[in-house]
């Protein structure tokens, strides 16, 4: 069960990274804010 959770988190993280690097610059600010929140949640879990 933990492996499924980790895989989902990892895939979500990769989508955020790909979006920042992608051609959709209008999403960059929003995605960076989401990534900061994601990182805070991730640190609290670990």
N, C-alpha and C. Protein backbone atom coordinates (compact mmCIF):
# COMPACT_ATOMS: atom_id res chain seq x y z
N UNK A 1 0.82 -1.19 0.00
CA UNK A 1 0.00 0.00 0.00
C UNK A 1 0.86 1.26 0.00
N UNK A 2 1.94 1.24 0.78
CA UNK A 2 2.84 2.39 0.84
C UNK A 2 3.49 2.63 -0.52
N UNK A 3 3.82 1.56 -1.23
CA UNK A 3 4.44 1.70 -2.54
C UNK A 3 3.50 2.42 -3.51
N UNK A 4 2.21 2.13 -3.43
CA UNK A 4 1.24 2.81 -4.30
C UNK A 4 1.16 4.29 -3.97
N UNK A 5 1.18 4.61 -2.69
CA UNK A 5 1.14 6.01 -2.26
C UNK A 5 2.39 6.73 -2.76
N UNK A 6 3.55 6.12 -2.53
CA UNK A 6 4.81 6.74 -2.95
C UNK A 6 4.83 6.96 -4.45
N UNK A 7 4.37 5.99 -5.21
CA UNK A 7 4.36 6.13 -6.67
C UNK A 7 3.46 7.30 -7.09
N UNK A 8 2.30 7.44 -6.46
CA UNK A 8 1.40 8.54 -6.77
C UNK A 8 2.03 9.89 -6.46
N UNK A 9 2.69 9.97 -5.32
CA UNK A 9 3.36 11.21 -4.92
C UNK A 9 4.48 11.53 -5.90
N UNK A 10 5.24 10.52 -6.26
CA UNK A 10 6.35 10.70 -7.19
C UNK A 10 5.85 11.15 -8.56
N UNK A 11 4.77 10.55 -9.05
CA UNK A 11 4.21 10.95 -10.34
C UNK A 11 3.70 12.39 -10.29
N UNK A 12 3.05 12.77 -9.20
CA UNK A 12 2.57 14.14 -9.05
C UNK A 12 3.74 15.11 -9.07
N UNK A 13 4.80 14.77 -8.37
CA UNK A 13 6.00 15.62 -8.33
C UNK A 13 6.57 15.77 -9.74
N UNK A 14 6.62 14.71 -10.50
CA UNK A 14 7.15 14.78 -11.86
C UNK A 14 6.29 15.65 -12.77
N UNK A 15 4.99 15.60 -12.60
CA UNK A 15 4.08 16.46 -13.38
C UNK A 15 4.37 17.92 -13.07
N UNK A 16 4.58 18.23 -11.81
CA UNK A 16 4.90 19.61 -11.44
C UNK A 16 6.21 20.06 -12.09
N UNK A 17 7.21 19.23 -12.03
CA UNK A 17 8.51 19.56 -12.62
C UNK A 17 8.38 19.75 -14.13
N UNK A 18 7.69 18.84 -14.80
CA UNK A 18 7.51 18.93 -16.24
C UNK A 18 6.74 20.19 -16.63
N UNK A 19 5.78 20.57 -15.82
CA UNK A 19 4.99 21.76 -16.12
C UNK A 19 5.84 23.02 -16.00
N UNK A 20 6.70 23.07 -15.01
CA UNK A 20 7.58 24.23 -14.86
C UNK A 20 8.53 24.35 -16.05
N UNK A 21 9.04 23.24 -16.52
CA UNK A 21 9.99 23.24 -17.63
C UNK A 21 9.32 23.33 -19.00
N UNK A 22 8.02 23.14 -19.04
CA UNK A 22 7.30 23.10 -20.31
C UNK A 22 7.03 24.46 -20.92
N UNK A 23 6.32 24.46 -22.04
CA UNK A 23 6.07 25.70 -22.79
C UNK A 23 4.94 26.56 -22.21
N UNK A 24 4.29 26.11 -21.17
CA UNK A 24 3.15 26.84 -20.62
C UNK A 24 3.60 27.76 -19.50
N UNK A 25 4.24 28.85 -19.87
CA UNK A 25 4.82 29.75 -18.86
C UNK A 25 3.78 30.38 -17.95
N UNK A 26 2.54 30.47 -18.41
CA UNK A 26 1.51 31.07 -17.57
C UNK A 26 1.19 30.20 -16.35
N UNK A 27 1.59 28.94 -16.37
CA UNK A 27 1.34 28.03 -15.25
C UNK A 27 2.49 28.01 -14.25
N UNK A 28 3.63 28.56 -14.62
CA UNK A 28 4.84 28.41 -13.82
C UNK A 28 4.67 28.94 -12.40
N UNK A 29 4.14 30.13 -12.23
CA UNK A 29 3.98 30.70 -10.89
C UNK A 29 3.07 29.84 -10.02
N UNK A 30 1.95 29.42 -10.58
CA UNK A 30 1.01 28.59 -9.82
C UNK A 30 1.65 27.26 -9.43
N UNK A 31 2.36 26.65 -10.36
CA UNK A 31 2.98 25.35 -10.09
C UNK A 31 4.08 25.48 -9.04
N UNK A 32 4.83 26.56 -9.08
CA UNK A 32 5.87 26.76 -8.07
C UNK A 32 5.26 26.90 -6.68
N UNK A 33 4.13 27.60 -6.59
CA UNK A 33 3.43 27.72 -5.31
C UNK A 33 2.91 26.36 -4.85
N UNK A 34 2.38 25.58 -5.77
CA UNK A 34 1.90 24.24 -5.42
C UNK A 34 3.06 23.38 -4.95
N UNK A 35 4.21 23.51 -5.62
CA UNK A 35 5.37 22.70 -5.25
C UNK A 35 5.88 23.06 -3.86
N UNK A 36 5.83 24.34 -3.49
CA UNK A 36 6.23 24.74 -2.14
C UNK A 36 5.33 24.09 -1.10
N UNK A 37 4.02 24.09 -1.34
CA UNK A 37 3.08 23.46 -0.42
C UNK A 37 3.32 21.95 -0.37
N UNK A 38 3.55 21.36 -1.53
CA UNK A 38 3.83 19.93 -1.61
C UNK A 38 5.07 19.59 -0.80
N UNK A 39 6.11 20.39 -0.93
CA UNK A 39 7.36 20.14 -0.19
C UNK A 39 7.13 20.25 1.31
N UNK A 40 6.32 21.21 1.75
CA UNK A 40 6.02 21.34 3.18
C UNK A 40 5.27 20.12 3.70
N UNK A 41 4.31 19.65 2.95
CA UNK A 41 3.56 18.46 3.34
C UNK A 41 4.48 17.25 3.39
N UNK A 42 5.33 17.13 2.38
CA UNK A 42 6.26 16.01 2.30
C UNK A 42 7.20 16.00 3.51
N UNK A 43 7.68 17.16 3.91
CA UNK A 43 8.58 17.23 5.07
C UNK A 43 7.86 16.87 6.35
N UNK A 44 6.60 17.22 6.48
CA UNK A 44 5.84 16.90 7.68
C UNK A 44 5.55 15.40 7.78
N UNK A 45 5.42 14.74 6.64
CA UNK A 45 5.14 13.30 6.63
C UNK A 45 6.39 12.51 7.00
N UNK A 46 7.52 12.95 6.45
CA UNK A 46 8.77 12.24 6.69
C UNK A 46 9.28 12.64 8.03
